[in-house]
Amino acid sequence: MNPNLPDNDKWQILLQKSASTFQGDAAPPYGFMTSTLARLKAEKRDRDILERIGFRALFASLAILIATGGITLGVQLQSHFNFDPELKSFVQADDSLIS
């Protein structure tokens, strides 16, 4: 290489000499670096999708748990605080023997 060449021409010559090294990256199935970066990007996208699905499943299960607890508590309180005493005495009279 001629030392009197401008820097831009030196870079052009170096790039032309090293072009055979990167020919695998120019056409499918691409080179190692390109396929590795593509795989990492796909894994990140898959991880993000699974993370979103996991959060949605977590929130859905918490909502179901809260709803189930609310219904259970409501049924328990409804049977505990019976505001119709006649109905309760009627049920008790049904269990007793009448002679």
Foldseek 3Di string as FASTA:
>chain_A
DDPVDDPVVVVVVVCVVCVVVQPQQPDPVHDDVVVVVVVVVVVVVVVVVVVVVVVVVVVVVVVVVVVVVVVVVVVVVCVVDPPDVVVVVVVVVVPDDDD
